[in-house]
Amino acid sequence: MGLERAVGDSFLLTKLDFVVNWCRKNSLFPMPMGISCCAIEMMAFAGPRFDVARFGSEAMRFSPRQSDLMIVAGTTTYKMAKVVRKIYDQMPEPKWVIAMGACTSSGGIYRTYSVVQGIDQFLPVDVYVAGCPPRPDNLIHALMKVQEKVQRGESRGMSPAYVGDFHTLNSHTSAAEQKVVLPSN
């Protein structure tokens, strides 16, 4: 009662968690892990045409201790997976991960002994981005999904989001045998 009289109608009260998450949401510092060809699209995402600065994430940090969002873009081999995990472990809490591209999400066309068939085998992924390579606007959509998760206070792979056109194939038939159903207008 006394506080309302002292400050009047110009005082705003809210939960501290909401304010902290709002600040985190609008100041994500990406750690780019451009391992393969998807890195070119990630560079375009940071360029002036797609303008990621409007989301507060234009400052790519190449030091894991200064970043809170890891964008893994490209084919990850088992030898490189150890390095990616080490860099992820050096990032401060809370931290989020975007798996960019088919090779990062599932191994892509590389079904070999040396390629990790999805980085979710060694990292908790928050958002998967489909495509080979995914367009920069899909990566912006993924960033917006991460921002929604940050606002809700989620992290570390809780209920991953999917961005893009993910097609699931039946394991008993080949891709050529399956009919692709396009959405009607």
N, C-alpha and C. Protein backbone atom coordinates (compact mmCIF):
# COMPACT_ATOMS: atom_id res chain seq x y z
N MET A 1 0.81 -1.18 0.00
CA MET A 1 0.00 0.00 0.00
C MET A 1 0.86 1.26 0.00
N GLY A 2 1.90 1.28 0.84
CA GLY A 2 2.77 2.45 0.89
C GLY A 2 3.61 2.58 -0.36
N LEU A 3 3.99 1.43 -0.99
CA LEU A 3 4.80 1.45 -2.21
C LEU A 3 4.00 2.03 -3.37
N GLU A 4 2.74 1.70 -3.47
CA GLU A 4 1.91 2.23 -4.55
C GLU A 4 1.76 3.74 -4.44
N ARG A 5 1.66 4.23 -3.22
CA ARG A 5 1.52 5.67 -3.03
C ARG A 5 2.84 6.39 -3.32
N ALA A 6 3.97 5.74 -3.00
CA ALA A 6 5.27 6.39 -3.17
C ALA A 6 5.68 6.50 -4.64
N VAL A 7 5.44 5.48 -5.44
CA VAL A 7 5.91 5.51 -6.82
C VAL A 7 4.80 5.80 -7.83
N GLY A 8 3.58 5.69 -7.45
CA GLY A 8 2.47 5.99 -8.35
C GLY A 8 2.27 4.91 -9.41
N ASP A 9 1.75 5.32 -10.56
CA ASP A 9 1.45 4.38 -11.63
C ASP A 9 2.64 4.11 -12.55
N SER A 10 3.77 4.75 -12.34
CA SER A 10 4.90 4.61 -13.26
C SER A 10 5.85 3.48 -12.87
N PHE A 11 5.51 2.70 -11.91
CA PHE A 11 6.40 1.64 -11.44
C PHE A 11 5.92 0.29 -11.95
N LEU A 12 6.83 -0.52 -12.49
CA LEU A 12 6.48 -1.81 -13.07
C LEU A 12 7.04 -2.94 -12.21
N LEU A 13 6.19 -3.86 -11.83
CA LEU A 13 6.62 -5.02 -11.07
C LEU A 13 6.45 -6.27 -11.92
N THR A 14 7.44 -7.13 -11.90
CA THR A 14 7.37 -8.39 -12.64
C THR A 14 8.25 -9.40 -11.94
N LYS A 15 8.22 -10.64 -12.44
CA LYS A 15 9.07 -11.67 -11.88
C LYS A 15 10.49 -11.51 -12.41
N LEU A 16 11.46 -11.74 -11.55
CA LEU A 16 12.86 -11.60 -11.95
C LEU A 16 13.23 -12.62 -13.03
N ASP A 17 12.70 -13.83 -12.96
CA ASP A 17 12.98 -14.83 -13.98
C ASP A 17 12.54 -14.36 -15.36
N PHE A 18 11.40 -13.72 -15.44
CA PHE A 18 10.90 -13.24 -16.72
C PHE A 18 11.85 -12.19 -17.31
N VAL A 19 12.32 -11.28 -16.49
CA VAL A 19 13.22 -10.21 -16.97
C VAL A 19 14.56 -10.79 -17.40
N VAL A 20 15.11 -11.72 -16.62
CA VAL A 20 16.39 -12.33 -16.96
C VAL A 20 16.27 -13.12 -18.26
N ASN A 21 15.20 -13.90 -18.41
CA ASN A 21 15.01 -14.67 -19.64
C ASN A 21 14.77 -13.77 -20.84
N TRP A 22 14.08 -12.65 -20.65
CA TRP A 22 13.89 -11.70 -21.74
C TRP A 22 15.23 -11.12 -22.18
N CYS A 23 16.09 -10.79 -21.23
CA CYS A 23 17.42 -10.26 -21.56
C CYS A 23 18.25 -11.32 -22.28
N ARG A 24 18.22 -12.55 -21.79
CA ARG A 24 18.96 -13.63 -22.45
C ARG A 24 18.45 -13.87 -23.86
N LYS A 25 17.14 -13.83 -24.03
CA LYS A 25 16.52 -14.08 -25.32
C LYS A 25 16.99 -13.09 -26.37
N ASN A 26 17.15 -11.86 -25.99
CA ASN A 26 17.51 -10.80 -26.93
C ASN A 26 19.00 -10.52 -27.01
N SER A 27 19.81 -11.36 -26.41
CA SER A 27 21.25 -11.16 -26.49
C SER A 27 21.99 -12.49 -26.55
N LEU A 28 21.53 -13.40 -27.41
CA LEU A 28 22.21 -14.67 -27.58
C LEU A 28 23.51 -14.45 -28.34
N PHE A 29 24.60 -15.04 -27.87
CA PHE A 29 25.89 -14.95 -28.54
C PHE A 29 26.21 -16.30 -29.16
N PRO A 30 26.10 -16.43 -30.49
CA PRO A 30 26.34 -17.72 -31.13
C PRO A 30 27.81 -18.10 -31.18
N MET A 31 28.07 -19.38 -31.00
CA MET A 31 29.39 -19.99 -31.20
C MET A 31 29.28 -20.77 -32.51
N PRO A 32 29.81 -20.25 -33.62
CA PRO A 32 29.66 -20.96 -34.89
C PRO A 32 30.62 -22.14 -34.99
N MET A 33 30.07 -23.30 -35.28
CA MET A 33 30.88 -24.49 -35.54
C MET A 33 30.66 -24.86 -37.01
N GLY A 34 31.29 -24.11 -37.89
CA GLY A 34 31.14 -24.33 -39.32
C GLY A 34 32.08 -25.42 -39.78
N ILE A 35 31.60 -26.66 -39.72
CA ILE A 35 32.44 -27.81 -40.02
C ILE A 35 32.45 -28.12 -41.52
N SER A 36 31.38 -27.82 -42.21
CA SER A 36 31.28 -28.24 -43.61
C SER A 36 30.53 -27.18 -44.42
N CYS A 37 29.87 -27.59 -45.49
CA CYS A 37 29.28 -26.66 -46.45
C CYS A 37 28.14 -25.83 -45.87
N CYS A 38 27.48 -26.27 -44.83
CA CYS A 38 26.42 -25.48 -44.21
C CYS A 38 26.95 -24.18 -43.61
N ALA A 39 28.25 -24.14 -43.39
CA ALA A 39 28.85 -22.93 -42.81
C ALA A 39 28.70 -21.73 -43.74
N ILE A 40 28.65 -21.96 -45.05
CA ILE A 40 28.46 -20.85 -46.00
C ILE A 40 27.10 -20.20 -45.77
N GLU A 41 26.08 -21.03 -45.57
CA GLU A 41 24.75 -20.49 -45.30
C GLU A 41 24.70 -19.80 -43.93
N MET A 42 25.47 -20.31 -42.98
CA MET A 42 25.54 -19.65 -41.67
C MET A 42 26.20 -18.28 -41.79
N MET A 43 27.19 -18.16 -42.68
CA MET A 43 27.82 -16.85 -42.91
C MET A 43 26.82 -15.89 -43.55
N ALA A 44 26.00 -16.39 -44.46
CA ALA A 44 24.98 -15.54 -45.07
C ALA A 44 23.95 -15.10 -44.04
N PHE A 45 23.65 -15.97 -43.10
CA PHE A 45 22.72 -15.67 -42.00
C PHE A 45 23.22 -14.48 -41.18
N ALA A 46 24.53 -14.36 -41.04
CA ALA A 46 25.10 -13.25 -40.27
C ALA A 46 25.33 -12.00 -41.12
N GLY A 47 25.14 -12.11 -42.43
CA GLY A 47 25.39 -10.99 -43.33
C GLY A 47 24.25 -9.98 -43.35
N PRO A 48 24.42 -8.91 -44.15
CA PRO A 48 23.43 -7.83 -44.16
C PRO A 48 22.10 -8.18 -44.82
N ARG A 49 22.06 -9.17 -45.71
CA ARG A 49 20.80 -9.47 -46.40
C ARG A 49 19.77 -10.07 -45.44
N PHE A 50 20.19 -10.93 -44.56
CA PHE A 50 19.26 -11.57 -43.63
C PHE A 50 19.23 -10.89 -42.27
N ASP A 51 20.26 -10.10 -41.97
CA ASP A 51 20.28 -9.18 -40.83
C ASP A 51 19.85 -9.82 -39.50
N VAL A 52 20.71 -10.68 -39.00
CA VAL A 52 20.43 -11.32 -37.72
C VAL A 52 20.59 -10.34 -36.55
N ALA A 53 21.10 -9.14 -36.84
CA ALA A 53 21.27 -8.13 -35.79
C ALA A 53 19.94 -7.71 -35.17
N ARG A 54 18.86 -7.85 -35.93
CA ARG A 54 17.55 -7.46 -35.37
C ARG A 54 17.10 -8.41 -34.28
N PHE A 55 17.78 -9.57 -34.15
CA PHE A 55 17.48 -10.52 -33.08
C PHE A 55 18.51 -10.46 -31.96
N GLY A 56 19.49 -9.58 -32.06
CA GLY A 56 20.49 -9.43 -31.01
C GLY A 56 21.57 -10.50 -31.04
N SER A 57 21.74 -11.19 -32.17
CA SER A 57 22.71 -12.28 -32.24
C SER A 57 23.75 -12.09 -33.33
N GLU A 58 24.05 -10.84 -33.64
CA GLU A 58 25.00 -10.59 -34.72
C GLU A 58 26.45 -10.79 -34.31
N ALA A 59 26.72 -10.80 -33.03
CA ALA A 59 28.10 -10.93 -32.54
C ALA A 59 28.46 -12.40 -32.39
N MET A 60 29.07 -12.96 -33.44
CA MET A 60 29.52 -14.34 -33.37
C MET A 60 30.74 -14.39 -32.45
N ARG A 61 30.68 -15.24 -31.48
CA ARG A 61 31.78 -15.38 -30.52
C ARG A 61 32.57 -16.63 -30.85
N PHE A 62 33.86 -16.48 -31.07
CA PHE A 62 34.70 -17.63 -31.38
C PHE A 62 35.41 -18.14 -30.14
N SER A 63 34.98 -17.67 -29.00
CA SER A 63 35.45 -18.17 -27.72
C SER A 63 34.26 -18.83 -27.02
N PRO A 64 34.37 -20.11 -26.66
CA PRO A 64 33.22 -20.76 -26.03
C PRO A 64 32.83 -20.15 -24.69
N ARG A 65 33.74 -19.51 -24.03
CA ARG A 65 33.43 -18.92 -22.72
C ARG A 65 32.64 -17.63 -22.82
N GLN A 66 32.46 -17.12 -24.03
CA GLN A 66 31.68 -15.90 -24.24
C GLN A 66 30.40 -16.15 -25.02
N SER A 67 30.06 -17.41 -25.24
CA SER A 67 28.87 -17.70 -26.05
C SER A 67 27.92 -18.61 -25.29
N ASP A 68 26.64 -18.55 -25.71
CA ASP A 68 25.64 -19.38 -25.05
C ASP A 68 24.77 -20.15 -26.05
N LEU A 69 25.04 -20.01 -27.34
CA LEU A 69 24.31 -20.72 -28.38
C LEU A 69 25.31 -21.31 -29.36
N MET A 70 25.35 -22.63 -29.47
CA MET A 70 26.25 -23.28 -30.42
C MET A 70 25.44 -23.66 -31.66
N ILE A 71 25.95 -23.23 -32.82
CA ILE A 71 25.34 -23.59 -34.09
C ILE A 71 26.29 -24.56 -34.77
N VAL A 72 25.94 -25.84 -34.79
CA VAL A 72 26.76 -26.85 -35.44
C VAL A 72 26.26 -26.98 -36.86
N ALA A 73 27.11 -26.62 -37.83
CA ALA A 73 26.72 -26.60 -39.23
C ALA A 73 27.65 -27.48 -40.04
N GLY A 74 27.17 -28.65 -40.42
CA GLY A 74 27.95 -29.50 -41.31
C GLY A 74 28.17 -30.91 -40.80
N THR A 75 28.86 -31.68 -41.62
CA THR A 75 29.13 -33.09 -41.34
C THR A 75 30.10 -33.21 -40.17
N THR A 76 29.71 -33.98 -39.17
CA THR A 76 30.54 -34.17 -37.99
C THR A 76 31.09 -35.59 -37.99
N THR A 77 32.39 -35.71 -38.02
CA THR A 77 33.02 -37.01 -37.94
C THR A 77 33.26 -37.35 -36.47
N TYR A 78 33.56 -38.63 -36.20
CA TYR A 78 33.80 -39.03 -34.82
C TYR A 78 35.04 -38.34 -34.25
N LYS A 79 36.02 -38.08 -35.10
CA LYS A 79 37.22 -37.38 -34.64
C LYS A 79 36.89 -35.93 -34.26
N MET A 80 36.02 -35.29 -35.04
CA MET A 80 35.62 -33.91 -34.76
C MET A 80 34.61 -33.83 -33.62
N ALA A 81 33.86 -34.91 -33.38
CA ALA A 81 32.84 -34.91 -32.33
C ALA A 81 33.46 -34.65 -30.95
N LYS A 82 34.65 -35.17 -30.73
CA LYS A 82 35.33 -34.93 -29.45
C LYS A 82 35.65 -33.45 -29.26
N VAL A 83 36.04 -32.79 -30.34
CA VAL A 83 36.35 -31.36 -30.27
C VAL A 83 35.08 -30.55 -30.04
N VAL A 84 34.01 -30.89 -30.76
CA VAL A 84 32.74 -30.18 -30.60
C VAL A 84 32.24 -30.33 -29.17
N ARG A 85 32.32 -31.54 -28.61
CA ARG A 85 31.87 -31.76 -27.23
C ARG A 85 32.73 -30.98 -26.24
N LYS A 86 34.02 -30.93 -26.47
CA LYS A 86 34.90 -30.18 -25.58
C LYS A 86 34.57 -28.69 -25.59
N ILE A 87 34.31 -28.15 -26.77
CA ILE A 87 33.93 -26.74 -26.88
C ILE A 87 32.58 -26.50 -26.21
N TYR A 88 31.65 -27.43 -26.40
CA TYR A 88 30.34 -27.32 -25.74
C TYR A 88 30.49 -27.32 -24.22
N ASP A 89 31.35 -28.18 -23.70
CA ASP A 89 31.56 -28.26 -22.26
C ASP A 89 32.18 -26.99 -21.69
N GLN A 90 32.91 -26.24 -22.51
CA GLN A 90 33.54 -25.00 -22.06
C GLN A 90 32.58 -23.82 -22.04
N MET A 91 31.42 -23.97 -22.65
CA MET A 91 30.45 -22.88 -22.68
C MET A 91 29.77 -22.75 -21.32
N PRO A 92 29.50 -21.53 -20.87
CA PRO A 92 28.83 -21.35 -19.58
C PRO A 92 27.35 -21.73 -19.64
N GLU A 93 26.79 -22.07 -18.50
CA GLU A 93 25.37 -22.38 -18.40
C GLU A 93 24.58 -21.08 -18.34
N PRO A 94 23.38 -21.00 -18.82
CA PRO A 94 22.67 -21.95 -19.66
C PRO A 94 23.17 -21.86 -21.10
N LYS A 95 23.03 -22.94 -21.84
CA LYS A 95 23.50 -22.98 -23.22
C LYS A 95 22.52 -23.77 -24.07
N TRP A 96 22.50 -23.43 -25.36
CA TRP A 96 21.57 -24.03 -26.30
C TRP A 96 22.32 -24.47 -27.55
N VAL A 97 21.75 -25.42 -28.29
CA VAL A 97 22.41 -25.96 -29.48
C VAL A 97 21.41 -26.01 -30.64
N ILE A 98 21.88 -25.55 -31.83
CA ILE A 98 21.13 -25.69 -33.07
C ILE A 98 21.91 -26.66 -33.96
N ALA A 99 21.25 -27.71 -34.43
CA ALA A 99 21.83 -28.65 -35.39
C ALA A 99 21.37 -28.20 -36.78
N MET A 100 22.31 -27.68 -37.56
CA MET A 100 21.97 -27.08 -38.84
C MET A 100 22.32 -28.01 -39.99
N GLY A 101 21.31 -28.47 -40.71
CA GLY A 101 21.54 -29.27 -41.90
C GLY A 101 21.30 -30.75 -41.69
N ALA A 102 21.14 -31.45 -42.81
CA ALA A 102 20.87 -32.89 -42.76
C ALA A 102 22.05 -33.68 -42.22
N CYS A 103 23.26 -33.28 -42.56
CA CYS A 103 24.43 -34.03 -42.09
C CYS A 103 24.61 -33.91 -40.58
N THR A 104 24.31 -32.75 -40.04
CA THR A 104 24.43 -32.56 -38.60
C THR A 104 23.31 -33.28 -37.86
N SER A 105 22.12 -33.25 -38.41
CA SER A 105 20.97 -33.85 -37.74
C SER A 105 20.95 -35.37 -37.81
N SER A 106 21.38 -35.93 -38.97
CA SER A 106 21.24 -37.37 -39.14
C SER A 106 22.39 -38.04 -39.88
N GLY A 107 23.45 -37.33 -40.16
CA GLY A 107 24.54 -37.91 -40.94
C GLY A 107 24.40 -37.66 -42.42
N GLY A 108 23.21 -37.24 -42.85
CA GLY A 108 22.97 -36.90 -44.25
C GLY A 108 23.21 -38.06 -45.19
N ILE A 109 23.91 -37.80 -46.29
CA ILE A 109 24.17 -38.83 -47.29
C ILE A 109 25.37 -39.68 -46.91
N TYR A 110 26.04 -39.32 -45.83
CA TYR A 110 27.25 -40.04 -45.45
C TYR A 110 26.93 -41.14 -44.45
N ARG A 111 26.67 -42.33 -44.94
CA ARG A 111 26.43 -43.49 -44.09
C ARG A 111 27.72 -44.29 -43.99
N THR A 112 28.73 -43.69 -43.39
CA THR A 112 30.03 -44.35 -43.29
C THR A 112 30.42 -44.51 -41.83
N TYR A 113 31.48 -45.26 -41.62
CA TYR A 113 31.94 -45.54 -40.27
C TYR A 113 32.50 -44.31 -39.57
N SER A 114 32.91 -43.31 -40.33
CA SER A 114 33.59 -42.16 -39.72
C SER A 114 32.67 -40.98 -39.41
N VAL A 115 31.41 -41.01 -39.88
CA VAL A 115 30.50 -39.88 -39.72
C VAL A 115 29.48 -40.18 -38.63
N VAL A 116 29.33 -39.24 -37.71
CA VAL A 116 28.34 -39.35 -36.64
C VAL A 116 26.95 -39.22 -37.27
N GLN A 117 26.07 -40.14 -36.97
CA GLN A 117 24.72 -40.13 -37.54
C GLN A 117 23.78 -39.31 -36.66
N GLY A 118 24.11 -38.04 -36.53
CA GLY A 118 23.31 -37.11 -35.72
C GLY A 118 24.08 -36.69 -34.48
N ILE A 119 24.21 -35.38 -34.29
CA ILE A 119 24.99 -34.90 -33.14
C ILE A 119 24.24 -35.08 -31.82
N ASP A 120 22.97 -35.48 -31.91
CA ASP A 120 22.26 -35.74 -30.66
C ASP A 120 22.78 -36.98 -29.94
N GLN A 121 23.72 -37.67 -30.54
CA GLN A 121 24.37 -38.79 -29.88
C GLN A 121 25.35 -38.33 -28.81
N PHE A 122 25.85 -37.09 -28.93
CA PHE A 122 26.80 -36.59 -27.93
C PHE A 122 26.51 -35.18 -27.45
N LEU A 123 25.50 -34.52 -27.99
CA LEU A 123 25.10 -33.18 -27.53
C LEU A 123 23.58 -33.12 -27.37
N PRO A 124 23.09 -32.42 -26.36
CA PRO A 124 21.64 -32.19 -26.29
C PRO A 124 21.24 -31.09 -27.27
N VAL A 125 20.46 -31.43 -28.26
CA VAL A 125 20.08 -30.48 -29.32
C VAL A 125 18.74 -29.85 -28.98
N ASP A 126 18.65 -28.54 -29.15
CA ASP A 126 17.42 -27.81 -28.88
C ASP A 126 16.58 -27.60 -30.13
N VAL A 127 17.22 -27.31 -31.27
CA VAL A 127 16.49 -27.07 -32.51
C VAL A 127 17.23 -27.76 -33.65
N TYR A 128 16.48 -28.51 -34.47
CA TYR A 128 17.01 -29.13 -35.68
C TYR A 128 16.55 -28.31 -36.88
N VAL A 129 17.48 -28.03 -37.81
CA VAL A 129 17.14 -27.28 -39.03
C VAL A 129 17.33 -28.22 -40.21
N ALA A 130 16.26 -28.44 -40.98
CA ALA A 130 16.31 -29.35 -42.12
C ALA A 130 16.89 -28.65 -43.34
N GLY A 131 17.43 -29.45 -44.24
CA GLY A 131 17.91 -28.93 -45.51
C GLY A 131 19.32 -29.35 -45.80
N CYS A 132 19.68 -29.28 -47.08
CA CYS A 132 21.04 -29.61 -47.50
C CYS A 132 21.42 -28.66 -48.63
N PRO A 133 22.02 -27.55 -48.32
CA PRO A 133 22.11 -26.90 -47.01
C PRO A 133 20.83 -26.13 -46.72
N PRO A 134 20.55 -25.91 -45.46
CA PRO A 134 19.36 -25.12 -45.13
C PRO A 134 19.56 -23.65 -45.48
N ARG A 135 18.50 -23.01 -45.86
CA ARG A 135 18.59 -21.59 -46.20
C ARG A 135 18.81 -20.75 -44.95
N PRO A 136 19.41 -19.58 -45.09
CA PRO A 136 19.62 -18.71 -43.94
C PRO A 136 18.33 -18.30 -43.23
N ASP A 137 17.22 -18.18 -43.97
CA ASP A 137 15.97 -17.82 -43.31
C ASP A 137 15.46 -18.97 -42.43
N ASN A 138 15.79 -20.22 -42.77
CA ASN A 138 15.47 -21.33 -41.87
C ASN A 138 16.29 -21.24 -40.58
N LEU A 139 17.53 -20.80 -40.71
CA LEU A 139 18.35 -20.63 -39.51
C LEU A 139 17.82 -19.50 -38.64
N ILE A 140 17.31 -18.45 -39.27
CA ILE A 140 16.68 -17.37 -38.50
C ILE A 140 15.45 -17.88 -37.78
N HIS A 141 14.67 -18.72 -38.46
CA HIS A 141 13.50 -19.33 -37.81
C HIS A 141 13.94 -20.20 -36.62
N ALA A 142 15.04 -20.93 -36.79
CA ALA A 142 15.57 -21.74 -35.68
C ALA A 142 16.01 -20.85 -34.52
N LEU A 143 16.62 -19.72 -34.84
CA LEU A 143 17.01 -18.78 -33.78
C LEU A 143 15.79 -18.27 -33.03
N MET A 144 14.70 -18.01 -33.76
CA MET A 144 13.47 -17.58 -33.11
C MET A 144 12.90 -18.68 -32.22
N LYS A 145 13.03 -19.95 -32.64
CA LYS A 145 12.59 -21.07 -31.80
C LYS A 145 13.43 -21.16 -30.53
N VAL A 146 14.73 -20.93 -30.66
CA VAL A 146 15.60 -20.92 -29.47
C VAL A 146 15.20 -19.77 -28.55
N GLN A 147 14.90 -18.61 -29.12
CA GLN A 147 14.47 -17.48 -28.30
C GLN A 147 13.19 -17.79 -27.54
N GLU A 148 12.27 -18.52 -28.17
CA GLU A 148 11.05 -18.93 -27.46
C GLU A 148 11.37 -19.86 -26.30
N LYS A 149 12.32 -20.78 -26.53
CA LYS A 149 12.71 -21.71 -25.47
C LYS A 149 13.40 -20.96 -24.32
N VAL A 150 14.22 -19.97 -24.67
CA VAL A 150 14.90 -19.17 -23.65
C VAL A 150 13.88 -18.41 -22.82
N GLN A 151 12.88 -17.83 -23.48
CA GLN A 151 11.85 -17.08 -22.77
C GLN A 151 11.09 -17.98 -21.80
N ARG A 152 10.86 -19.23 -22.19
CA ARG A 152 10.17 -20.18 -21.30
C ARG A 152 11.08 -20.75 -20.23
N GLY A 153 12.39 -20.53 -20.35
CA GLY A 153 13.34 -21.03 -19.37
C GLY A 153 13.79 -22.46 -19.63
N GLU A 154 13.60 -22.97 -20.86
CA GLU A 154 14.02 -24.32 -21.21
C GLU A 154 15.45 -24.31 -21.73
N SER A 155 16.16 -25.41 -21.48
CA SER A 155 17.49 -25.56 -22.06
C SER A 155 17.89 -27.03 -22.03
N ARG A 156 19.02 -27.30 -22.65
CA ARG A 156 19.65 -28.61 -22.63
C ARG A 156 18.81 -29.70 -23.27
N GLY A 157 18.31 -29.44 -24.45
CA GLY A 157 17.64 -30.46 -25.22
C GLY A 157 16.25 -30.84 -24.78
N MET A 158 15.62 -30.05 -23.93
CA MET A 158 14.24 -30.34 -23.52
C MET A 158 13.31 -30.08 -24.69
N SER A 159 12.56 -31.07 -25.10
CA SER A 159 11.59 -30.99 -26.19
C SER A 159 12.14 -30.23 -27.40
N PRO A 160 12.99 -30.89 -28.21
CA PRO A 160 13.59 -30.19 -29.35
C PRO A 160 12.55 -29.74 -30.36
N ALA A 161 12.86 -28.63 -31.02
CA ALA A 161 11.98 -28.08 -32.06
C ALA A 161 12.57 -28.43 -33.43
N TYR A 162 11.71 -28.45 -34.43
CA TYR A 162 12.12 -28.79 -35.79
C TYR A 162 11.74 -27.66 -36.72
N VAL A 163 12.70 -27.24 -37.57
CA VAL A 163 12.48 -26.16 -38.51
C VAL A 163 12.76 -26.69 -39.90
N GLY A 164 11.86 -26.45 -40.83
CA GLY A 164 12.08 -26.88 -42.20
C GLY A 164 11.16 -28.02 -42.58
N ASP A 165 11.52 -28.71 -43.65
CA ASP A 165 10.69 -29.76 -44.20
C ASP A 165 11.31 -31.11 -43.91
N PHE A 166 10.94 -31.72 -42.82
CA PHE A 166 11.45 -33.04 -42.45
C PHE A 166 10.53 -34.10 -43.02
N HIS A 167 11.07 -34.97 -43.86
CA HIS A 167 10.32 -36.09 -44.42
C HIS A 167 10.82 -37.36 -43.75
N THR A 168 9.92 -38.16 -43.22
CA THR A 168 10.31 -39.43 -42.64
C THR A 168 10.05 -40.52 -43.66
N LEU A 169 11.04 -41.34 -43.90
CA LEU A 169 10.93 -42.42 -44.86
C LEU A 169 10.74 -43.73 -44.12
N ASN A 170 9.91 -44.58 -44.65
CA ASN A 170 9.72 -45.91 -44.10
C ASN A 170 11.00 -46.70 -44.34
N SER A 171 11.48 -47.41 -43.34
CA SER A 171 12.75 -48.11 -43.45
C SER A 171 12.68 -49.31 -44.39
N HIS A 172 11.47 -49.78 -44.75
CA HIS A 172 11.34 -50.95 -45.61
C HIS A 172 11.25 -50.59 -47.08
N THR A 173 11.10 -49.33 -47.42
CA THR A 173 11.01 -48.92 -48.82
C THR A 173 12.06 -47.86 -49.09
N SER A 174 12.47 -47.78 -50.33
CA SER A 174 13.46 -46.77 -50.69
C SER A 174 12.77 -45.44 -50.92
N ALA A 175 13.56 -44.40 -51.03
CA ALA A 175 13.00 -43.06 -51.23
C ALA A 175 12.33 -42.96 -52.59
N ALA A 176 12.83 -43.69 -53.59
CA ALA A 176 12.24 -43.64 -54.92
C ALA A 176 10.87 -44.31 -54.96
N GLU A 177 10.63 -45.29 -54.07
CA GLU A 177 9.36 -45.99 -54.04
C GLU A 177 8.27 -45.22 -53.32
N GLN A 178 8.66 -44.29 -52.47
CA GLN A 178 7.65 -43.56 -51.70
C GLN A 178 7.13 -42.38 -52.51
N LYS A 179 5.85 -42.13 -52.39
CA LYS A 179 5.23 -41.00 -53.07
C LYS A 179 5.32 -39.78 -52.17
N VAL A 180 5.70 -38.67 -52.76
CA VAL A 180 5.78 -37.42 -52.02
C VAL A 180 4.44 -36.71 -52.18
N VAL A 181 3.82 -36.39 -51.05
CA VAL A 181 2.52 -35.72 -51.06
C VAL A 181 2.76 -34.24 -50.78
N LEU A 182 2.41 -33.42 -51.74
CA LEU A 182 2.60 -31.98 -51.60
C LEU A 182 1.33 -31.38 -51.02
N PRO A 183 1.45 -30.38 -50.15
CA PRO A 183 0.26 -29.75 -49.59
C PRO A 183 -0.53 -29.01 -50.66
N SER A 184 -1.84 -29.10 -50.59
CA SER A 184 -2.68 -28.41 -51.57
C SER A 184 -2.84 -26.95 -51.18
N ASN A 185 -3.11 -26.12 -52.18
CA ASN A 185 -3.25 -24.68 -51.93
C ASN A 185 -4.52 -24.36 -51.28
